[in-house]
Amino acid sequence: MPMLHPGRLLLFALGTALLHAQAAIRPLDAKRFAELQKQLAPEPDAPWRSIPWRIDLLAAQREAAEHKKPLFVWAMDGHPLGCT
């Protein structure tokens, strides 16, 4: 029996995995969308919602100085989920 080239074997494995993944995907109808939205939406009383977020850095700096509180700066580059 001839040996398969490692690249061809990898392509075969990926293709097989893709076919199985596509077979497991359910169509997204209105009912399924509502279920997913309910599962993924944050709770209305989530702790991060109580943080007084600011988008104007200079205004936030002035406000932090007035109240003698620290300033937390969240700066990033790229996609928020790390998919760059």
N, C-alpha and C. Protein backbone atom coordinates (compact mmCIF):
# COMPACT_ATOMS: atom_id res chain seq x y z
N MET A 1 0.85 -1.18 0.00
CA MET A 1 0.00 0.00 0.00
C MET A 1 0.89 1.23 0.00
N PRO A 2 0.66 2.17 -0.92
CA PRO A 2 1.52 3.36 -0.99
C PRO A 2 1.25 4.30 0.19
N MET A 3 2.31 4.98 0.60
CA MET A 3 2.19 5.95 1.70
C MET A 3 1.60 7.25 1.17
N LEU A 4 0.73 7.86 1.96
CA LEU A 4 0.19 9.17 1.61
C LEU A 4 1.18 10.25 2.00
N HIS A 5 1.30 11.24 1.17
CA HIS A 5 2.14 12.39 1.49
C HIS A 5 1.56 13.08 2.73
N PRO A 6 2.39 13.52 3.70
CA PRO A 6 1.85 14.14 4.91
C PRO A 6 0.94 15.32 4.63
N GLY A 7 1.23 16.10 3.59
CA GLY A 7 0.37 17.24 3.23
C GLY A 7 -1.01 16.79 2.78
N ARG A 8 -1.02 15.72 1.98
CA ARG A 8 -2.32 15.19 1.51
C ARG A 8 -3.11 14.60 2.66
N LEU A 9 -2.41 13.94 3.56
CA LEU A 9 -3.07 13.37 4.73
C LEU A 9 -3.69 14.47 5.59
N LEU A 10 -2.97 15.57 5.75
CA LEU A 10 -3.47 16.70 6.52
C LEU A 10 -4.70 17.31 5.84
N LEU A 11 -4.64 17.48 4.52
CA LEU A 11 -5.79 18.02 3.79
C LEU A 11 -7.01 17.10 3.92
N PHE A 12 -6.77 15.80 3.85
CA PHE A 12 -7.87 14.85 4.00
C PHE A 12 -8.49 14.96 5.40
N ALA A 13 -7.64 15.04 6.42
CA ALA A 13 -8.14 15.15 7.80
C ALA A 13 -8.92 16.44 8.00
N LEU A 14 -8.39 17.55 7.47
CA LEU A 14 -9.10 18.83 7.60
C LEU A 14 -10.42 18.82 6.85
N GLY A 15 -10.43 18.24 5.67
CA GLY A 15 -11.67 18.15 4.89
C GLY A 15 -12.72 17.32 5.60
N THR A 16 -12.30 16.20 6.18
CA THR A 16 -13.22 15.35 6.91
C THR A 16 -13.79 16.08 8.13
N ALA A 17 -12.90 16.78 8.86
CA ALA A 17 -13.36 17.54 10.03
C ALA A 17 -14.33 18.63 9.63
N LEU A 18 -14.07 19.30 8.51
CA LEU A 18 -14.96 20.36 8.03
C LEU A 18 -16.33 19.80 7.66
N LEU A 19 -16.36 18.65 7.01
CA LEU A 19 -17.65 18.04 6.64
C LEU A 19 -18.45 17.68 7.89
N HIS A 20 -17.79 17.15 8.89
CA HIS A 20 -18.49 16.81 10.14
C HIS A 20 -18.98 18.07 10.85
N ALA A 21 -18.18 19.12 10.83
CA ALA A 21 -18.59 20.38 11.48
C ALA A 21 -19.79 20.99 10.76
N GLN A 22 -19.79 20.95 9.44
CA GLN A 22 -20.91 21.52 8.69
C GLN A 22 -22.18 20.72 8.94
N ALA A 23 -22.07 19.43 9.12
CA ALA A 23 -23.24 18.61 9.37
C ALA A 23 -23.84 18.91 10.74
N ALA A 24 -23.01 19.38 11.68
CA ALA A 24 -23.49 19.64 13.03
C ALA A 24 -24.09 21.03 13.19
N ILE A 25 -23.93 21.89 12.21
CA ILE A 25 -24.43 23.27 12.31
C ILE A 25 -25.93 23.28 12.05
N ARG A 26 -26.66 23.87 13.02
CA ARG A 26 -28.10 24.00 12.85
C ARG A 26 -28.40 25.32 12.14
N PRO A 27 -29.43 25.36 11.31
CA PRO A 27 -29.80 26.63 10.70
C PRO A 27 -30.25 27.63 11.77
N LEU A 28 -29.99 28.88 11.52
CA LEU A 28 -30.33 29.93 12.49
C LEU A 28 -31.69 30.52 12.13
N ASP A 29 -32.72 30.06 12.81
CA ASP A 29 -34.05 30.63 12.63
C ASP A 29 -34.31 31.61 13.76
N ALA A 30 -35.47 32.23 13.76
CA ALA A 30 -35.79 33.27 14.75
C ALA A 30 -35.79 32.71 16.17
N LYS A 31 -36.29 31.49 16.35
CA LYS A 31 -36.33 30.89 17.69
C LYS A 31 -34.91 30.63 18.21
N ARG A 32 -34.06 30.05 17.36
CA ARG A 32 -32.68 29.76 17.75
C ARG A 32 -31.92 31.06 18.03
N PHE A 33 -32.16 32.09 17.23
CA PHE A 33 -31.52 33.38 17.45
C PHE A 33 -31.89 33.94 18.82
N ALA A 34 -33.16 33.87 19.18
CA ALA A 34 -33.62 34.37 20.48
C ALA A 34 -32.97 33.59 21.62
N GLU A 35 -32.84 32.27 21.45
CA GLU A 35 -32.18 31.44 22.48
C GLU A 35 -30.73 31.86 22.67
N LEU A 36 -30.01 31.99 21.55
CA LEU A 36 -28.60 32.36 21.62
C LEU A 36 -28.41 33.76 22.20
N GLN A 37 -29.28 34.68 21.79
CA GLN A 37 -29.17 36.05 22.31
C GLN A 37 -29.37 36.07 23.82
N LYS A 38 -30.32 35.29 24.30
CA LYS A 38 -30.56 35.23 25.75
C LYS A 38 -29.37 34.62 26.49
N GLN A 39 -28.76 33.58 25.90
CA GLN A 39 -27.60 32.94 26.52
C GLN A 39 -26.37 33.84 26.54
N LEU A 40 -26.19 34.63 25.49
CA LEU A 40 -24.96 35.41 25.33
C LEU A 40 -25.05 36.82 25.88
N ALA A 41 -26.25 37.33 26.10
CA ALA A 41 -26.40 38.70 26.60
C ALA A 41 -25.95 38.77 28.06
N PRO A 42 -25.21 39.82 28.43
CA PRO A 42 -24.80 39.95 29.83
C PRO A 42 -26.00 40.26 30.72
N GLU A 43 -25.88 39.88 31.96
CA GLU A 43 -26.94 40.15 32.93
C GLU A 43 -27.07 41.66 33.12
N PRO A 44 -28.29 42.16 33.35
CA PRO A 44 -28.47 43.60 33.54
C PRO A 44 -27.73 44.13 34.77
N ASP A 45 -27.50 43.27 35.77
CA ASP A 45 -26.81 43.71 36.97
C ASP A 45 -25.36 43.22 37.02
N ALA A 46 -24.76 42.98 35.85
CA ALA A 46 -23.36 42.54 35.79
C ALA A 46 -22.47 43.59 36.46
N PRO A 47 -21.48 43.17 37.23
CA PRO A 47 -20.65 44.12 37.99
C PRO A 47 -19.98 45.20 37.12
N TRP A 48 -19.57 44.84 35.90
CA TRP A 48 -18.88 45.83 35.06
C TRP A 48 -19.80 46.95 34.61
N ARG A 49 -21.12 46.73 34.70
CA ARG A 49 -22.06 47.79 34.31
C ARG A 49 -22.09 48.92 35.34
N SER A 50 -21.63 48.66 36.58
CA SER A 50 -21.64 49.69 37.61
C SER A 50 -20.42 50.62 37.52
N ILE A 51 -19.47 50.30 36.66
CA ILE A 51 -18.27 51.13 36.51
C ILE A 51 -18.62 52.34 35.64
N PRO A 52 -18.28 53.54 36.09
CA PRO A 52 -18.58 54.73 35.28
C PRO A 52 -17.55 54.90 34.15
N TRP A 53 -17.71 54.13 33.07
CA TRP A 53 -16.78 54.15 31.95
C TRP A 53 -16.77 55.52 31.27
N ARG A 54 -15.62 55.94 30.81
CA ARG A 54 -15.48 57.20 30.07
C ARG A 54 -14.72 56.92 28.78
N ILE A 55 -15.04 57.66 27.74
CA ILE A 55 -14.31 57.50 26.49
C ILE A 55 -13.44 58.72 26.18
N ASP A 56 -13.62 59.80 26.91
CA ASP A 56 -12.80 61.01 26.74
C ASP A 56 -11.70 60.97 27.80
N LEU A 57 -10.47 60.70 27.37
CA LEU A 57 -9.37 60.52 28.32
C LEU A 57 -9.10 61.76 29.16
N LEU A 58 -9.10 62.95 28.56
CA LEU A 58 -8.81 64.16 29.33
C LEU A 58 -9.90 64.46 30.35
N ALA A 59 -11.16 64.26 29.96
CA ALA A 59 -12.26 64.47 30.91
C ALA A 59 -12.18 63.45 32.04
N ALA A 60 -11.84 62.21 31.73
CA ALA A 60 -11.70 61.18 32.75
C ALA A 60 -10.55 61.51 33.70
N GLN A 61 -9.47 62.04 33.15
CA GLN A 61 -8.32 62.41 33.98
C GLN A 61 -8.70 63.54 34.95
N ARG A 62 -9.41 64.54 34.45
CA ARG A 62 -9.86 65.64 35.31
C ARG A 62 -10.79 65.13 36.41
N GLU A 63 -11.74 64.27 36.03
CA GLU A 63 -12.69 63.73 37.00
C GLU A 63 -11.97 62.89 38.07
N ALA A 64 -11.00 62.08 37.66
CA ALA A 64 -10.25 61.26 38.61
C ALA A 64 -9.47 62.14 39.57
N ALA A 65 -8.88 63.23 39.06
CA ALA A 65 -8.12 64.14 39.91
C ALA A 65 -9.04 64.85 40.90
N GLU A 66 -10.21 65.28 40.44
CA GLU A 66 -11.17 65.96 41.32
C GLU A 66 -11.60 65.06 42.48
N HIS A 67 -11.82 63.79 42.20
CA HIS A 67 -12.30 62.85 43.22
C HIS A 67 -11.15 62.11 43.92
N LYS A 68 -9.91 62.45 43.54
CA LYS A 68 -8.72 61.79 44.11
C LYS A 68 -8.83 60.26 44.00
N LYS A 69 -9.16 59.83 42.80
CA LYS A 69 -9.29 58.40 42.52
C LYS A 69 -8.34 58.03 41.39
N PRO A 70 -7.95 56.76 41.34
CA PRO A 70 -7.06 56.34 40.25
C PRO A 70 -7.79 56.29 38.91
N LEU A 71 -7.02 56.30 37.86
CA LEU A 71 -7.55 56.24 36.50
C LEU A 71 -7.10 54.93 35.88
N PHE A 72 -8.03 54.13 35.44
CA PHE A 72 -7.71 52.87 34.77
C PHE A 72 -7.86 53.09 33.28
N VAL A 73 -6.80 52.86 32.55
CA VAL A 73 -6.82 53.05 31.09
C VAL A 73 -6.72 51.68 30.43
N TRP A 74 -7.70 51.38 29.61
CA TRP A 74 -7.69 50.14 28.85
C TRP A 74 -7.38 50.51 27.40
N ALA A 75 -6.17 50.22 26.97
CA ALA A 75 -5.75 50.51 25.61
C ALA A 75 -5.32 49.21 24.96
N MET A 76 -5.73 49.02 23.73
CA MET A 76 -5.37 47.79 23.05
C MET A 76 -5.22 48.02 21.55
N ASP A 77 -4.61 47.06 20.92
CA ASP A 77 -4.43 47.11 19.47
C ASP A 77 -4.95 45.80 18.92
N GLY A 78 -5.79 45.86 17.95
CA GLY A 78 -6.30 44.64 17.34
C GLY A 78 -7.73 44.35 17.72
N HIS A 79 -8.16 43.18 17.37
CA HIS A 79 -9.52 42.73 17.60
C HIS A 79 -9.75 42.47 19.09
N PRO A 80 -10.91 42.87 19.66
CA PRO A 80 -11.14 42.67 21.09
C PRO A 80 -11.13 41.21 21.53
N LEU A 81 -11.36 40.29 20.63
CA LEU A 81 -11.34 38.87 21.00
C LEU A 81 -9.99 38.22 20.70
N GLY A 82 -9.02 39.03 20.30
CA GLY A 82 -7.68 38.50 20.04
C GLY A 82 -7.54 37.85 18.70
N CYS A 83 -8.50 38.03 17.82
CA CYS A 83 -8.47 37.40 16.50
C CYS A 83 -7.84 38.35 15.48
N THR A 84 -6.56 38.59 15.60
CA THR A 84 -5.90 39.51 14.66
C THR A 84 -5.15 38.76 13.60
